[in-house]
Amino acid sequence: MGSLAEALQLEGDYALFPEKEMIRLAFEDEGDAQAFAEALLARRTARKGGWAGQWAFTFDDGMEEKIRAALPPSPKRGPRRKAAA
């Protein structure tokens, strides 16, 4: 998630709250919330703690692959390959 946040060049602070079968995200900047939500197909959730926007998404194998595909190539990881069907 941190790598995706860096790739999206978020402006403000954000926090990740892992929960059973989902990850809840909170953002200081509403524009950051929108960008991250669009990248992850997240849905808006109730606001808590004064954050500008809070979103949740299901984190499964398909979402993990989608996130990996959205990241720029890393010298550590090498080029991305599609998973075998």
PDB file of N, CA and C in Angstrom:
ATOM      1  N   MET A   1       0.808  -1.179   0.000  1.00  0.00           N
ATOM      2  CA  MET A   1       0.000   0.000   0.000  1.00  0.00           C
ATOM      3  C   MET A   1       0.864   1.260   0.000  1.00  0.00           C
ATOM      4  N   GLY A   2       1.952   1.226   0.758  1.00  0.00           N
ATOM      5  CA  GLY A   2       2.844   2.378   0.791  1.00  0.00           C
ATOM      6  C   GLY A   2       3.411   2.688  -0.587  1.00  0.00           C
ATOM      7  N   SER A   3       3.751   1.657  -1.337  1.00  0.00           N
ATOM      8  CA  SER A   3       4.283   1.857  -2.689  1.00  0.00           C
ATOM      9  C   SER A   3       3.239   2.480  -3.604  1.00  0.00           C
ATOM     10  N   LEU A   4       1.987   2.064  -3.458  1.00  0.00           N
ATOM     11  CA  LEU A   4       0.918   2.645  -4.266  1.00  0.00           C
ATOM     12  C   LEU A   4       0.711   4.110  -3.883  1.00  0.00           C
ATOM     13  N   ALA A   5       0.752   4.410  -2.603  1.00  0.00           N
ATOM     14  CA  ALA A   5       0.614   5.799  -2.155  1.00  0.00           C
ATOM     15  C   ALA A   5       1.727   6.661  -2.744  1.00  0.00           C
ATOM     16  N   GLU A   6       2.949   6.141  -2.762  1.00  0.00           N
ATOM     17  CA  GLU A   6       4.068   6.880  -3.351  1.00  0.00           C
ATOM     18  C   GLU A   6       3.847   7.073  -4.851  1.00  0.00           C
ATOM     19  N   ALA A   7       3.390   6.041  -5.528  1.00  0.00           N
ATOM     20  CA  ALA A   7       3.168   6.121  -6.973  1.00  0.00           C
ATOM     21  C   ALA A   7       2.083   7.146  -7.306  1.00  0.00           C
ATOM     22  N   LEU A   8       1.091   7.280  -6.429  1.00  0.00           N
ATOM     23  CA  LEU A   8       0.014   8.239  -6.647  1.00  0.00           C
ATOM     24  C   LEU A   8       0.403   9.653  -6.229  1.00  0.00           C
ATOM     25  N   GLN A   9       1.559   9.799  -5.598  1.00  0.00           N
ATOM     26  CA  GLN A   9       2.083  11.101  -5.152  1.00  0.00           C
ATOM     27  C   GLN A   9       1.051  11.856  -4.315  1.00  0.00           C
ATOM     28  N   LEU A  10       0.599  11.208  -3.244  1.00  0.00           N
ATOM     29  CA  LEU A  10      -0.384  11.817  -2.356  1.00  0.00           C
ATOM     30  C   LEU A  10       0.188  13.063  -1.695  1.00  0.00           C
ATOM     31  N   GLU A  11      -0.669  14.055  -1.463  1.00  0.00           N
ATOM     32  CA  GLU A  11      -0.258  15.340  -0.901  1.00  0.00           C
ATOM     33  C   GLU A  11      -0.233  15.341   0.624  1.00  0.00           C
ATOM     34  N   GLY A  12      -1.206  14.684   1.255  1.00  0.00           N
ATOM     35  CA  GLY A  12      -1.349  14.754   2.707  1.00  0.00           C
ATOM     36  C   GLY A  12      -1.054  13.433   3.394  1.00  0.00           C
ATOM     37  N   ASP A  13      -1.310  13.413   4.699  1.00  0.00           N
ATOM     38  CA  ASP A  13      -1.130  12.192   5.482  1.00  0.00           C
ATOM     39  C   ASP A  13      -2.273  11.225   5.207  1.00  0.00           C
ATOM     40  N   TYR A  14      -2.006   9.956   5.458  1.00  0.00           N
ATOM     41  CA  TYR A  14      -3.029   8.921   5.318  1.00  0.00           C
ATOM     42  C   TYR A  14      -2.746   7.830   6.331  1.00  0.00           C
ATOM     43  N   ALA A  15      -3.736   7.010   6.595  1.00  0.00           N
ATOM     44  CA  ALA A  15      -3.573   5.895   7.525  1.00  0.00           C
ATOM     45  C   ALA A  15      -4.307   4.685   6.973  1.00  0.00           C
ATOM     46  N   LEU A  16      -3.759   3.506   7.253  1.00  0.00           N
ATOM     47  CA  LEU A  16      -4.361   2.240   6.846  1.00  0.00           C
ATOM     48  C   LEU A  16      -4.767   1.479   8.100  1.00  0.00           C
ATOM     49  N   PHE A  17      -5.967   0.943   8.107  1.00  0.00           N
ATOM     50  CA  PHE A  17      -6.476   0.189   9.241  1.00  0.00           C
ATOM     51  C   PHE A  17      -6.919  -1.187   8.755  1.00  0.00           C
ATOM     52  N   PRO A  18      -6.061  -2.213   8.845  1.00  0.00           N
ATOM     53  CA  PRO A  18      -6.462  -3.550   8.406  1.00  0.00           C
ATOM     54  C   PRO A  18      -7.595  -4.097   9.275  1.00  0.00           C
ATOM     55  N   GLU A  19      -8.596  -4.650   8.637  1.00  0.00           N
ATOM     56  CA  GLU A  19      -9.707  -5.307   9.302  1.00  0.00           C
ATOM     57  C   GLU A  19      -9.936  -6.643   8.620  1.00  0.00           C
ATOM     58  N   LYS A  20     -10.806  -7.446   9.177  1.00  0.00           N
ATOM     59  CA  LYS A  20     -11.086  -8.741   8.582  1.00  0.00           C
ATOM     60  C   LYS A  20     -11.633  -8.557   7.175  1.00  0.00           C
ATOM     61  N   GLU A  21     -10.935  -9.114   6.182  1.00  0.00           N
ATOM     62  CA  GLU A  21     -11.325  -9.118   4.775  1.00  0.00           C
ATOM     63  C   GLU A  21     -11.409  -7.742   4.125  1.00  0.00           C
ATOM     64  N   MET A  22     -10.874  -6.704   4.769  1.00  0.00           N
ATOM     65  CA  MET A  22     -10.847  -5.386   4.132  1.00  0.00           C
ATOM     66  C   MET A  22      -9.759  -4.540   4.780  1.00  0.00           C
ATOM     67  N   ILE A  23      -9.404  -3.481   4.102  1.00  0.00           N
ATOM     68  CA  ILE A  23      -8.488  -2.493   4.643  1.00  0.00           C
ATOM     69  C   ILE A  23      -9.204  -1.159   4.591  1.00  0.00           C
ATOM     70  N   ARG A  24      -9.314  -0.509   5.729  1.00  0.00           N
ATOM     71  CA  ARG A  24      -9.938   0.813   5.790  1.00  0.00           C
ATOM     72  C   ARG A  24      -8.828   1.847   5.663  1.00  0.00           C
ATOM     73  N   LEU A  25      -9.070   2.881   4.854  1.00  0.00           N
ATOM     74  CA  LEU A  25      -8.099   3.948   4.638  1.00  0.00           C
ATOM     75  C   LEU A  25      -8.694   5.275   5.080  1.00  0.00           C
ATOM     76  N   ALA A  26      -7.861   6.150   5.628  1.00  0.00           N
ATOM     77  CA  ALA A  26      -8.288   7.497   6.007  1.00  0.00           C
ATOM     78  C   ALA A  26      -7.281   8.486   5.445  1.00  0.00           C
ATOM     79  N   PHE A  27      -7.776   9.621   4.967  1.00  0.00           N
ATOM     80  CA  PHE A  27      -6.926  10.600   4.294  1.00  0.00           C
ATOM     81  C   PHE A  27      -7.127  11.990   4.863  1.00  0.00           C
ATOM     82  N   GLU A  28      -6.040  12.722   4.954  1.00  0.00           N
ATOM     83  CA  GLU A  28      -6.078  14.118   5.367  1.00  0.00           C
ATOM     84  C   GLU A  28      -6.637  14.985   4.232  1.00  0.00           C
ATOM     85  N   ASP A  29      -6.306  14.657   3.002  1.00  0.00           N
ATOM     86  CA  ASP A  29      -6.668  15.446   1.831  1.00  0.00           C
ATOM     87  C   ASP A  29      -7.721  14.704   1.013  1.00  0.00           C
ATOM     88  N   GLU A  30      -8.852  15.354   0.734  1.00  0.00           N
ATOM     89  CA  GLU A  30      -9.939  14.694   0.002  1.00  0.00           C
ATOM     90  C   GLU A  30      -9.523  14.288  -1.406  1.00  0.00           C
ATOM     91  N   GLY A  31      -8.659  15.082  -2.055  1.00  0.00           N
ATOM     92  CA  GLY A  31      -8.170  14.711  -3.385  1.00  0.00           C
ATOM     93  C   GLY A  31      -7.372  13.415  -3.351  1.00  0.00           C
ATOM     94  N   ASP A  32      -6.572  13.235  -2.300  1.00  0.00           N
ATOM     95  CA  ASP A  32      -5.833  11.984  -2.122  1.00  0.00           C
ATOM     96  C   ASP A  32      -6.798  10.819  -1.954  1.00  0.00           C
ATOM     97  N   ALA A  33      -7.842  11.048  -1.170  1.00  0.00           N
ATOM     98  CA  ALA A  33      -8.841   9.997  -0.943  1.00  0.00           C
ATOM     99  C   ALA A  33      -9.475   9.571  -2.258  1.00  0.00           C
ATOM    100  N   GLN A  34      -9.843  10.547  -3.085  1.00  0.00           N
ATOM    101  CA  GLN A  34     -10.460  10.237  -4.373  1.00  0.00           C
ATOM    102  C   GLN A  34      -9.514   9.444  -5.271  1.00  0.00           C
ATOM    103  N   ALA A  35      -8.247   9.880  -5.351  1.00  0.00           N
ATOM    104  CA  ALA A  35      -7.268   9.204  -6.222  1.00  0.00           C
ATOM    105  C   ALA A  35      -7.055   7.762  -5.783  1.00  0.00           C
ATOM    106  N   PHE A  36      -6.882   7.551  -4.481  1.00  0.00           N
ATOM    107  CA  PHE A  36      -6.639   6.211  -3.965  1.00  0.00           C
ATOM    108  C   PHE A  36      -7.876   5.335  -4.167  1.00  0.00           C
ATOM    109  N   ALA A  37      -9.041   5.898  -3.886  1.00  0.00           N
ATOM    110  CA  ALA A  37     -10.288   5.144  -4.033  1.00  0.00           C
ATOM    111  C   ALA A  37     -10.508   4.703  -5.468  1.00  0.00           C
ATOM    112  N   GLU A  38     -10.244   5.576  -6.414  1.00  0.00           N
ATOM    113  CA  GLU A  38     -10.398   5.219  -7.821  1.00  0.00           C
ATOM    114  C   GLU A  38      -9.429   4.113  -8.214  1.00  0.00           C
ATOM    115  N   ALA A  39      -8.206   4.171  -7.720  1.00  0.00           N
ATOM    116  CA  ALA A  39      -7.209   3.151  -8.051  1.00  0.00           C
ATOM    117  C   ALA A  39      -7.595   1.785  -7.492  1.00  0.00           C
ATOM    118  N   LEU A  40      -8.322   1.764  -6.368  1.00  0.00           N
ATOM    119  CA  LEU A  40      -8.639   0.503  -5.689  1.00  0.00           C
ATOM    120  C   LEU A  40     -10.108   0.105  -5.769  1.00  0.00           C
ATOM    121  N   LEU A  41     -10.892   0.869  -6.507  1.00  0.00           N
ATOM    122  CA  LEU A  41     -12.335   0.604  -6.581  1.00  0.00           C
ATOM    123  C   LEU A  41     -12.944   0.551  -5.179  1.00  0.00           C
ATOM    124  N   ALA A  42     -12.528   1.484  -4.324  1.00  0.00           N
ATOM    125  CA  ALA A  42     -12.983   1.514  -2.933  1.00  0.00           C
ATOM    126  C   ALA A  42     -14.344   2.190  -2.823  1.00  0.00           C
ATOM    127  N   ARG A  43     -14.995   1.936  -1.692  1.00  0.00           N
ATOM    128  CA  ARG A  43     -16.283   2.578  -1.415  1.00  0.00           C
ATOM    129  C   ARG A  43     -16.140   3.470  -0.184  1.00  0.00           C
ATOM    130  N   ARG A  44     -16.886   4.570  -0.173  1.00  0.00           N
ATOM    131  CA  ARG A  44     -16.833   5.516   0.938  1.00  0.00           C
ATOM    132  C   ARG A  44     -17.426   4.862   2.189  1.00  0.00           C
ATOM    133  N   THR A  45     -16.819   5.132   3.340  1.00  0.00           N
ATOM    134  CA  THR A  45     -17.320   4.636   4.617  1.00  0.00           C
ATOM    135  C   THR A  45     -17.568   5.823   5.544  1.00  0.00           C
ATOM    136  N   ALA A  46     -18.163   5.552   6.688  1.00  0.00           N
ATOM    137  CA  ALA A  46     -18.438   6.608   7.665  1.00  0.00           C
ATOM    138  C   ALA A  46     -17.137   7.244   8.148  1.00  0.00           C
ATOM    139  N   ARG A  47     -17.163   8.568   8.335  1.00  0.00           N
ATOM    140  CA  ARG A  47     -15.979   9.294   8.798  1.00  0.00           C
ATOM    141  C   ARG A  47     -15.806   9.123  10.298  1.00  0.00           C
ATOM    142  N   LYS A  48     -14.556   8.939  10.709  1.00  0.00           N
ATOM    143  CA  LYS A  48     -14.206   8.855  12.125  1.00  0.00           C
ATOM    144  C   LYS A  48     -12.897   9.601  12.325  1.00  0.00           C
ATOM    145  N   GLY A  49     -12.744  10.247  13.451  1.00  0.00           N
ATOM    146  CA  GLY A  49     -11.460  10.818  13.817  1.00  0.00           C
ATOM    147  C   GLY A  49     -11.045  12.074  13.079  1.00  0.00           C
ATOM    148  N   GLY A  50     -11.930  12.724  12.356  1.00  0.00           N
ATOM    149  CA  GLY A  50     -11.602  13.992  11.728  1.00  0.00           C
ATOM    150  C   GLY A  50     -10.863  13.919  10.403  1.00  0.00           C
ATOM    151  N   TRP A  51     -10.721  12.739   9.827  1.00  0.00           N
ATOM    152  CA  TRP A  51     -10.076  12.612   8.522  1.00  0.00           C
ATOM    153  C   TRP A  51     -11.005  13.147   7.443  1.00  0.00           C
ATOM    154  N   ALA A  52     -10.432  13.683   6.354  1.00  0.00           N
ATOM    155  CA  ALA A  52     -11.229  14.257   5.268  1.00  0.00           C
ATOM    156  C   ALA A  52     -12.067  13.201   4.560  1.00  0.00           C
ATOM    157  N   GLY A  53     -11.527  12.043   4.335  1.00  0.00           N
ATOM    158  CA  GLY A  53     -12.259  10.996   3.642  1.00  0.00           C
ATOM    159  C   GLY A  53     -11.811   9.633   4.123  1.00  0.00           C
ATOM    160  N   GLN A  54     -12.745   8.729   4.190  1.00  0.00           N
ATOM    161  CA  GLN A  54     -12.425   7.357   4.569  1.00  0.00           C
ATOM    162  C   GLN A  54     -13.093   6.420   3.577  1.00  0.00           C
ATOM    163  N   TRP A  55     -12.335   5.434   3.143  1.00  0.00           N
ATOM    164  CA  TRP A  55     -12.783   4.503   2.126  1.00  0.00           C
ATOM    165  C   TRP A  55     -12.387   3.095   2.545  1.00  0.00           C
ATOM    166  N   ALA A  56     -13.065   2.097   2.009  1.00  0.00           N
ATOM    167  CA  ALA A  56     -12.737   0.701   2.284  1.00  0.00           C
ATOM    168  C   ALA A  56     -12.749  -0.072   0.970  1.00  0.00           C
ATOM    169  N   PHE A  57     -11.936  -1.106   0.911  1.00  0.00           N
ATOM    170  CA  PHE A  57     -11.923  -1.972  -0.265  1.00  0.00           C
ATOM    171  C   PHE A  57     -11.598  -3.381   0.184  1.00  0.00           C
ATOM    172  N   THR A  58     -11.988  -4.343  -0.626  1.00  0.00           N
ATOM    173  CA  THR A  58     -11.692  -5.744  -0.349  1.00  0.00           C
ATOM    174  C   THR A  58     -10.302  -6.046  -0.874  1.00  0.00           C
ATOM    175  N   PHE A  59      -9.477  -6.628  -0.017  1.00  0.00           N
ATOM    176  CA  PHE A  59      -8.117  -6.984  -0.418  1.00  0.00           C
ATOM    177  C   PHE A  59      -8.050  -8.490  -0.599  1.00  0.00           C
ATOM    178  N   ASP A  60      -8.021  -8.920  -1.858  1.00  0.00           N
ATOM    179  CA  ASP A  60      -7.910 -10.331  -2.176  1.00  0.00           C
ATOM    180  C   ASP A  60      -6.820 -10.502  -3.233  1.00  0.00           C
ATOM    181  N   ASP A  61      -6.647 -11.706  -3.751  1.00  0.00           N
ATOM    182  CA  ASP A  61      -5.589 -11.947  -4.744  1.00  0.00           C
ATOM    183  C   ASP A  61      -5.759 -11.076  -5.983  1.00  0.00           C
ATOM    184  N   GLY A  62      -6.989 -10.904  -6.438  1.00  0.00           N
ATOM    185  CA  GLY A  62      -7.242 -10.086  -7.612  1.00  0.00           C
ATOM    186  C   GLY A  62      -6.864  -8.629  -7.380  1.00  0.00           C
ATOM    187  N   MET A  63      -7.197  -8.104  -6.191  1.00  0.00           N
ATOM    188  CA  MET A  63      -6.850  -6.723  -5.878  1.00  0.00           C
ATOM    189  C   MET A  63      -5.339  -6.567  -5.726  1.00  0.00           C
ATOM    190  N   GLU A  64      -4.692  -7.551  -5.132  1.00  0.00           N
ATOM    191  CA  GLU A  64      -3.234  -7.489  -5.002  1.00  0.00           C
ATOM    192  C   GLU A  64      -2.574  -7.405  -6.378  1.00  0.00           C
ATOM    193  N   GLU A  65      -3.062  -8.191  -7.324  1.00  0.00           N
ATOM    194  CA  GLU A  65      -2.508  -8.159  -8.683  1.00  0.00           C
ATOM    195  C   GLU A  65      -2.776  -6.812  -9.344  1.00  0.00           C
ATOM    196  N   LYS A  66      -3.967  -6.264  -9.129  1.00  0.00           N
ATOM    197  CA  LYS A  66      -4.303  -4.951  -9.690  1.00  0.00           C
ATOM    198  C   LYS A  66      -3.360  -3.880  -9.138  1.00  0.00           C
ATOM    199  N   ILE A  67      -3.079  -3.925  -7.844  1.00  0.00           N
ATOM    200  CA  ILE A  67      -2.172  -2.955  -7.232  1.00  0.00           C
ATOM    201  C   ILE A  67      -0.767  -3.121  -7.798  1.00  0.00           C
ATOM    202  N   ARG A  68      -0.290  -4.344  -7.875  1.00  0.00           N
ATOM    203  CA  ARG A  68       1.050  -4.589  -8.422  1.00  0.00           C
ATOM    204  C   ARG A  68       1.162  -4.077  -9.861  1.00  0.00           C
ATOM    205  N   ALA A  69       0.116  -4.274 -10.646  1.00  0.00           N
ATOM    206  CA  ALA A  69       0.136  -3.841 -12.035  1.00  0.00           C
ATOM    207  C   ALA A  69       0.150  -2.315 -12.154  1.00  0.00           C
ATOM    208  N   ALA A  70      -0.408  -1.626 -11.150  1.00  0.00           N
ATOM    209  CA  ALA A  70      -0.463  -0.163 -11.182  1.00  0.00           C
ATOM    210  C   ALA A  70       0.854   0.494 -10.766  1.00  0.00           C
ATOM    211  N   LEU A  71       1.740  -0.268 -10.142  1.00  0.00           N
ATOM    212  CA  LEU A  71       2.995   0.294  -9.654  1.00  0.00           C
ATOM    213  C   LEU A  71       4.033   0.381 -10.764  1.00  0.00           C
ATOM    214  N   PRO A  72       4.872   1.410 -10.709  1.00  0.00           N
ATOM    215  CA  PRO A  72       5.967   1.475 -11.681  1.00  0.00           C
ATOM    216  C   PRO A  72       6.960   0.345 -11.420  1.00  0.00           C
ATOM    217  N   PRO A  73       7.729  -0.066 -12.422  1.00  0.00           N
ATOM    218  CA  PRO A  73       8.719  -1.132 -12.208  1.00  0.00           C
ATOM    219  C   PRO A  73       9.710  -0.737 -11.122  1.00  0.00           C
ATOM    220  N   SER A  74      10.096  -1.701 -10.335  1.00  0.00           N
ATOM    221  CA  SER A  74      11.061  -1.485  -9.263  1.00  0.00           C
ATOM    222  C   SER A  74      12.329  -2.269  -9.570  1.00  0.00           C
ATOM    223  N   PRO A  75      13.501  -1.675  -9.340  1.00  0.00           N
ATOM    224  CA  PRO A  75      14.736  -2.430  -9.568  1.00  0.00           C
ATOM    225  C   PRO A  75      14.807  -3.683  -8.697  1.00  0.00           C
ATOM    226  N   LYS A  76      14.180  -3.649  -7.527  1.00  0.00           N
ATOM    227  CA  LYS A  76      14.189  -4.808  -6.627  1.00  0.00           C
ATOM    228  C   LYS A  76      13.313  -5.936  -7.163  1.00  0.00           C
ATOM    229  N   ARG A  77      12.151  -5.568  -7.721  1.00  0.00           N
ATOM    230  CA  ARG A  77      11.188  -6.574  -8.173  1.00  0.00           C
ATOM    231  C   ARG A  77      11.417  -7.013  -9.600  1.00  0.00           C
ATOM    232  N   GLY A  78      12.047  -6.189 -10.399  1.00  0.00           N
ATOM    233  CA  GLY A  78      12.219  -6.510 -11.810  1.00  0.00           C
ATOM    234  C   GLY A  78      10.916  -6.278 -12.564  1.00  0.00           C
ATOM    235  N   PRO A  79      10.882  -6.635 -13.846  1.00  0.00           N
ATOM    236  CA  PRO A  79       9.660  -6.407 -14.634  1.00  0.00           C
ATOM    237  C   PRO A  79       8.514  -7.278 -14.138  1.00  0.00           C
ATOM    238  N   ARG A  80       7.298  -6.761 -14.277  1.00  0.00           N
ATOM    239  CA  ARG A  80       6.115  -7.507 -13.862  1.00  0.00           C
ATOM    240  C   ARG A  80       5.730  -8.529 -14.920  1.00  0.00           C
ATOM    241  N   ARG A  81       5.269  -9.660 -14.474  1.00  0.00           N
ATOM    242  CA  ARG A  81       4.761 -10.685 -15.382  1.00  0.00           C
ATOM    243  C   ARG A  81       3.332 -10.992 -14.995  1.00  0.00           C
ATOM    244  N   LYS A  82       2.547 -11.325 -15.981  1.00  0.00           N
ATOM    245  CA  LYS A  82       1.174 -11.731 -15.690  1.00  0.00           C
ATOM    246  C   LYS A  82       1.204 -13.108 -15.054  1.00  0.00           C
ATOM    247  N   ALA A  83       0.280 -13.312 -14.099  1.00  0.00           N
ATOM    248  CA  ALA A  83       0.179 -14.605 -13.434  1.00  0.00           C
ATOM    249  C   ALA A  83      -0.329 -15.643 -14.423  1.00  0.00           C
ATOM    250  N   ALA A  84       0.166 -16.855 -14.292  1.00  0.00           N
ATOM    251  CA  ALA A  84      -0.288 -17.952 -15.156  1.00  0.00           C
ATOM    252  C   ALA A  84      -1.724 -18.282 -14.846  1.00  0.00           C
ATOM    253  N   ALA A  85      -2.490 -18.559 -15.861  1.00  0.00           N
ATOM    254  CA  ALA A  85      -3.915 -18.862 -15.686  1.00  0.00           C
ATOM    255  C   ALA A  85      -4.134 -20.288 -15.267  1.00  0.00           C
TER     256      ALA A  85
END
